[in-house]
Amino acid sequence: MNFAVIAGIVAALVVLRFVKPALLVWVAAVWAAVFAFVHWAFQTPVPASAMKIYLSITTLALFIYCFTSRDRSAQITGPLNALLTERRYTPLLVVVALAIPALVAFDVYRTRTAPIEAPFFARTIHPSPPTSITVHDTPVDLVKSENPFRKLKESDPEGFKKHLANGRSVYYQNCFYCHGDGLAGDGVYAHGFNPIPTNFTDPNVLPNFQSTFFFWRVSKGGPGMPDEGGPGDSAMPPWEKFLTNDEIWEAILYLYDYTGYNPRALEEHGAKKE
């Protein structure tokens, strides 16, 4: 979180609270505060699609608040009616009438003329992991370790099924919004990402890596991506802040089981299971 931005937003709202501006100004300030919070308060960028959802909910909530009371409704419509009907506000009305299409035109021009530039360094889709990481104070060897639950498939089938079910729950509670119901990287938020979410059904993904590679990527998320993995606005959070080590391993177990692939460490050529 960017606490400087959050502090600035809170300070601005506190000042407005003491100033006690007109309701229309207060509503505009609240909407702007929510926009600033969603747009700048997170170190990992919020997807454009998610931002639209949050702002739509905020707009609807403010609309309901303003127009479910005659007094509040009058405070909102009064200044607007005055702007539209009173001659003394004609210059301001002209400015507003010209500014709205001008801003729309500028935004269209800005997006259409944005230069397409190559990254200043080569980007690796699947960057090399470090040799070890620490997650929840537990060191994990990314070279020699394996998913601790895979061996249960032979030694304890019932235990394996339990961990697999847990992994499925973890995936659908946290991951499928971006990676999709079928693990193909086509979730409802996928189009708002750069780079797009990983397609786990691609035969060049899961079979070509050790399961520890995905433990690293899941636990550290976009903020843990090395320079060779950028640039990009990966919105994947460091899941170690929300999931236990076992939950991360269980989710990875589910990825391999659902797609039918084996991790590279357990099957030399990454061939698909029969």
Protein backbone atom coordinates (compact mmCIF):
# COMPACT_ATOMS: atom_id res chain seq x y z
CA MET A 1 0.00 0.00 0.00
CA ASN A 2 1.09 3.57 -0.72
CA PHE A 3 0.47 5.09 2.69
CA ALA A 4 1.47 8.60 1.57
CA VAL A 5 -1.43 8.61 -0.90
CA ILE A 6 -3.82 7.21 1.70
CA ALA A 7 -2.74 9.85 4.23
CA GLY A 8 -3.26 12.59 1.64
CA ILE A 9 -6.77 11.35 0.83
CA VAL A 10 -7.74 11.13 4.49
CA ALA A 11 -6.31 14.57 5.21
CA ALA A 12 -8.23 16.12 2.31
CA LEU A 13 -11.50 14.57 3.48
CA VAL A 14 -10.90 15.72 7.07
CA VAL A 15 -10.28 19.29 5.88
CA LEU A 16 -13.48 19.20 3.83
CA ARG A 17 -15.34 17.90 6.86
CA PHE A 18 -14.37 21.00 8.83
CA VAL A 19 -14.95 23.37 5.90
CA LYS A 20 -18.45 21.90 5.40
CA PRO A 21 -18.82 22.54 1.66
CA ALA A 22 -22.05 22.18 -0.30
CA LEU A 23 -23.32 18.63 -0.69
CA LEU A 24 -22.51 18.64 -4.41
CA VAL A 25 -18.87 19.48 -3.66
CA TRP A 26 -18.73 16.85 -0.92
CA VAL A 27 -20.11 14.15 -3.24
CA ALA A 28 -17.58 15.06 -5.93
CA ALA A 29 -14.78 14.95 -3.34
CA VAL A 30 -15.82 11.50 -2.10
CA TRP A 31 -15.93 10.15 -5.65
CA ALA A 32 -12.51 11.66 -6.38
CA ALA A 33 -11.14 10.17 -3.14
CA VAL A 34 -12.30 6.68 -4.10
CA PHE A 35 -10.80 7.12 -7.57
CA ALA A 36 -7.47 8.26 -6.10
CA PHE A 37 -7.45 5.39 -3.60
CA VAL A 38 -8.11 2.70 -6.21
CA HIS A 39 -5.77 4.25 -8.78
CA TRP A 40 -2.74 5.22 -6.66
CA ALA A 41 -2.97 3.66 -3.21
CA PHE A 42 -1.90 0.15 -4.23
CA GLN A 43 1.68 -0.72 -5.15
CA THR A 44 0.36 -3.45 -7.44
CA PRO A 45 -1.84 -1.73 -10.05
CA VAL A 46 -5.57 -2.45 -9.86
CA PRO A 47 -6.87 -3.84 -13.20
CA ALA A 48 -8.88 -1.34 -15.25
CA SER A 49 -11.89 -3.66 -15.18
CA ALA A 50 -11.82 -3.86 -11.37
CA MET A 51 -11.40 -0.10 -11.12
CA LYS A 52 -14.53 0.41 -13.24
CA ILE A 53 -16.47 -1.91 -10.95
CA TYR A 54 -15.40 -0.05 -7.80
CA LEU A 55 -16.14 3.36 -9.30
CA SER A 56 -19.51 2.19 -10.63
CA ILE A 57 -20.48 0.95 -7.17
CA THR A 58 -19.31 4.24 -5.64
CA THR A 59 -21.32 6.26 -8.18
CA LEU A 60 -24.44 4.20 -7.57
CA ALA A 61 -24.07 4.48 -3.78
CA LEU A 62 -23.64 8.26 -3.94
CA PHE A 63 -26.62 8.59 -6.29
CA ILE A 64 -28.83 6.60 -3.92
CA TYR A 65 -27.61 8.64 -0.95
CA CYS A 66 -28.34 11.95 -2.68
CA PHE A 67 -31.74 11.14 -4.13
CA THR A 68 -33.38 9.20 -1.32
CA SER A 69 -33.98 12.42 0.59
CA ARG A 70 -35.83 15.50 -0.67
CA ASP A 71 -33.47 17.79 1.21
CA ARG A 72 -30.33 16.17 -0.19
CA SER A 73 -31.90 16.00 -3.65
CA ALA A 74 -32.60 19.73 -3.53
CA GLN A 75 -29.00 20.41 -2.46
CA ILE A 76 -27.76 18.53 -5.52
CA THR A 77 -30.21 19.76 -8.15
CA GLY A 78 -30.34 23.36 -6.92
CA PRO A 79 -26.81 24.37 -7.97
CA LEU A 80 -27.18 22.47 -11.25
CA ASN A 81 -30.46 24.22 -12.06
CA ALA A 82 -28.88 27.57 -11.23
CA LEU A 83 -25.95 26.82 -13.54
CA LEU A 84 -28.32 25.98 -16.39
CA THR A 85 -30.89 28.74 -15.95
CA GLU A 86 -29.36 31.80 -14.30
CA ARG A 87 -27.68 34.33 -16.58
CA ARG A 88 -24.92 35.15 -14.09
CA TYR A 89 -23.55 31.62 -14.53
CA THR A 90 -23.55 31.77 -18.35
CA PRO A 91 -19.73 32.15 -18.64
CA LEU A 92 -19.21 29.17 -16.34
CA LEU A 93 -21.78 27.14 -18.28
CA VAL A 94 -19.94 27.91 -21.54
CA VAL A 95 -16.67 26.78 -19.98
CA VAL A 96 -18.24 23.52 -18.78
CA ALA A 97 -19.95 22.90 -22.13
CA LEU A 98 -16.64 23.32 -23.94
CA ALA A 99 -14.53 21.47 -21.36
CA ILE A 100 -16.47 18.20 -21.39
CA PRO A 101 -16.08 17.37 -25.12
CA ALA A 102 -12.54 18.78 -25.04
CA LEU A 103 -11.54 16.40 -22.24
CA VAL A 104 -13.16 13.46 -24.04
CA ALA A 105 -11.37 14.37 -27.26
CA PHE A 106 -8.06 14.74 -25.41
CA ASP A 107 -8.44 11.32 -23.79
CA VAL A 108 -9.20 9.72 -27.16
CA TYR A 109 -6.21 11.50 -28.71
CA ARG A 110 -3.94 10.48 -25.82
CA THR A 111 -4.85 6.81 -26.05
CA ARG A 112 -4.75 6.70 -29.85
CA THR A 113 -1.39 8.42 -30.19
CA ALA A 114 0.46 6.66 -27.38
CA PRO A 115 3.78 5.52 -28.87
CA ILE A 116 4.47 1.81 -29.09
CA GLU A 117 7.87 1.39 -27.52
CA ALA A 118 9.98 -1.67 -27.05
CA PRO A 119 10.97 -2.40 -23.45
CA PHE A 120 14.34 -1.02 -22.43
CA PHE A 121 15.44 -4.57 -21.66
CA ALA A 122 14.45 -7.96 -22.94
CA ARG A 123 11.49 -9.44 -21.09
CA THR A 124 11.42 -13.10 -20.11
CA ILE A 125 7.91 -14.52 -19.81
CA HIS A 126 9.00 -17.08 -17.23
CA PRO A 127 12.02 -15.55 -15.47
CA SER A 128 14.59 -17.64 -13.68
CA PRO A 129 13.78 -18.19 -10.01
CA PRO A 130 16.23 -17.72 -7.18
CA THR A 131 17.74 -20.86 -5.65
CA SER A 132 15.78 -20.42 -2.43
CA ILE A 133 13.15 -18.22 -0.83
CA THR A 134 11.63 -17.77 2.61
CA VAL A 135 7.86 -17.88 3.02
CA HIS A 136 6.26 -17.52 6.45
CA ASP A 137 9.71 -17.85 8.04
CA THR A 138 10.16 -21.22 6.30
CA PRO A 139 13.10 -21.59 3.87
CA VAL A 140 12.17 -23.30 0.60
CA ASP A 141 14.84 -24.78 -1.67
CA LEU A 142 13.58 -24.07 -5.18
CA VAL A 143 16.11 -26.41 -6.78
CA LYS A 144 15.71 -29.62 -4.80
CA SER A 145 12.31 -29.34 -3.16
CA GLU A 146 9.09 -30.90 -4.44
CA ASN A 147 5.43 -30.44 -3.64
CA PRO A 148 5.15 -32.24 -0.27
CA PHE A 149 1.68 -33.56 -1.12
CA ARG A 150 2.41 -35.26 -4.46
CA LYS A 151 3.98 -38.32 -2.85
CA LEU A 152 0.70 -38.96 -1.00
CA LYS A 153 -0.90 -40.05 -4.26
CA GLU A 154 0.75 -43.43 -3.83
CA SER A 155 1.33 -43.63 -0.08
CA ASP A 156 -1.94 -42.11 1.15
CA PRO A 157 -4.56 -41.77 -1.64
CA GLU A 158 -7.25 -40.49 0.72
CA GLY A 159 -4.92 -37.85 2.13
CA PHE A 160 -3.97 -36.89 -1.43
CA LYS A 161 -7.64 -36.42 -2.35
CA LYS A 162 -8.16 -34.24 0.70
CA HIS A 163 -5.27 -31.94 -0.21
CA LEU A 164 -6.45 -31.89 -3.82
CA ALA A 165 -9.92 -30.80 -2.73
CA ASN A 166 -8.38 -28.10 -0.56
CA GLY A 167 -6.33 -26.94 -3.53
CA ARG A 168 -9.43 -26.71 -5.68
CA SER A 169 -11.14 -24.58 -3.03
CA VAL A 170 -8.11 -22.28 -2.76
CA TYR A 171 -8.03 -21.86 -6.54
CA TYR A 172 -11.71 -21.02 -6.93
CA GLN A 173 -11.74 -18.73 -3.93
CA ASN A 174 -8.71 -16.74 -5.02
CA CYS A 175 -7.34 -17.50 -8.49
CA PHE A 176 -10.06 -18.22 -11.01
CA TYR A 177 -11.14 -14.57 -11.29
CA CYS A 178 -7.98 -13.99 -13.32
CA HIS A 179 -6.81 -17.43 -14.48
CA GLY A 180 -10.28 -18.60 -15.47
CA ASP A 181 -12.68 -21.38 -14.65
CA GLY A 182 -10.76 -23.75 -16.93
CA LEU A 183 -7.27 -22.47 -15.93
CA ALA A 184 -6.77 -20.99 -19.42
CA GLY A 185 -5.89 -17.46 -18.29
CA ASP A 186 -9.25 -16.08 -19.43
CA GLY A 187 -10.90 -15.04 -16.17
CA VAL A 188 -13.31 -12.12 -15.93
CA TYR A 189 -10.47 -9.71 -15.05
CA ALA A 190 -7.92 -11.13 -17.51
CA HIS A 191 -8.35 -8.46 -20.19
CA GLY A 192 -7.29 -5.75 -17.76
CA PHE A 193 -3.81 -7.18 -17.20
CA ASN A 194 -0.42 -6.58 -18.77
CA PRO A 195 0.92 -9.21 -18.96
CA ILE A 196 -2.19 -11.38 -19.16
CA PRO A 197 -2.62 -14.19 -16.60
CA THR A 198 -0.80 -17.44 -17.22
CA ASN A 199 -2.64 -20.07 -19.25
CA PHE A 200 -2.03 -23.25 -17.27
CA THR A 201 -3.47 -25.45 -20.03
CA ASP A 202 -0.62 -24.42 -22.35
CA PRO A 203 1.69 -27.46 -22.70
CA ASN A 204 4.68 -25.09 -22.52
CA VAL A 205 3.88 -23.96 -18.99
CA LEU A 206 3.24 -26.51 -16.23
CA PRO A 207 5.20 -29.45 -17.72
CA ASN A 208 8.31 -27.36 -18.31
CA PHE A 209 8.85 -26.26 -14.72
CA GLN A 210 9.36 -27.71 -11.30
CA SER A 211 6.42 -27.22 -8.96
CA THR A 212 8.74 -25.07 -6.82
CA PHE A 213 8.84 -22.52 -9.65
CA PHE A 214 5.11 -21.93 -9.24
CA PHE A 215 5.40 -21.90 -5.46
CA TRP A 216 7.81 -18.99 -5.91
CA ARG A 217 5.59 -17.18 -8.42
CA VAL A 218 2.43 -17.65 -6.36
CA SER A 219 3.94 -16.76 -2.99
CA LYS A 220 5.82 -13.66 -4.17
CA GLY A 221 3.39 -12.50 -6.90
CA GLY A 222 3.96 -9.56 -9.22
CA PRO A 223 6.01 -7.56 -6.68
CA GLY A 224 8.44 -10.48 -6.51
CA MET A 225 9.05 -10.52 -10.26
CA PRO A 226 12.74 -9.91 -11.12
CA ASP A 227 13.74 -7.26 -13.65
CA GLU A 228 13.97 -9.78 -16.46
CA GLY A 229 10.26 -10.51 -15.99
CA GLY A 230 9.20 -6.90 -16.63
CA PRO A 231 8.03 -4.49 -17.68
CA GLY A 232 4.38 -5.06 -16.99
CA ASP A 233 1.61 -4.22 -14.60
CA SER A 234 1.11 -7.65 -13.13
CA ALA A 235 -1.74 -7.41 -10.65
CA MET A 236 -0.94 -10.75 -9.04
CA PRO A 237 -0.51 -10.15 -5.31
CA PRO A 238 2.07 -11.88 -3.13
CA TRP A 239 -0.24 -14.68 -1.99
CA GLU A 240 1.99 -15.45 0.99
CA LYS A 241 0.18 -12.53 2.64
CA PHE A 242 -3.15 -14.34 2.34
CA LEU A 243 -2.43 -18.07 2.10
CA THR A 244 -0.45 -20.54 4.15
CA ASN A 245 2.38 -22.53 2.63
CA ASP A 246 0.19 -25.64 2.61
CA GLU A 247 -2.60 -23.78 0.78
CA ILE A 248 -0.16 -22.62 -1.90
CA TRP A 249 1.16 -26.15 -2.37
CA GLU A 250 -2.39 -27.52 -2.50
CA ALA A 251 -3.41 -25.00 -5.16
CA ILE A 252 -0.39 -26.00 -7.26
CA LEU A 253 -1.29 -29.65 -6.74
CA TYR A 254 -4.73 -28.88 -8.17
CA LEU A 255 -3.25 -27.10 -11.21
CA TYR A 256 -1.27 -30.16 -12.21
CA ASP A 257 -4.05 -32.61 -11.48
CA TYR A 258 -6.69 -30.65 -13.40
CA THR A 259 -4.53 -30.18 -16.50
CA GLY A 260 -3.12 -33.70 -16.38
CA TYR A 261 0.48 -32.56 -16.46
CA ASN A 262 3.36 -33.62 -14.23
CA PRO A 263 6.00 -31.17 -12.97
CA ARG A 264 9.38 -31.27 -14.65
CA ALA A 265 11.14 -32.43 -11.52
CA LEU A 266 9.07 -35.64 -11.43
CA GLU A 267 8.94 -36.33 -15.14
CA GLU A 268 12.04 -35.47 -17.07
CA HIS A 269 10.37 -34.52 -20.37
CA GLY A 270 7.20 -33.04 -18.91
CA ALA A 271 5.03 -35.48 -20.83
CA LYS A 272 1.32 -35.54 -20.20
CA LYS A 273 -0.03 -38.33 -18.04
CA GLU A 274 -1.70 -41.23 -19.75
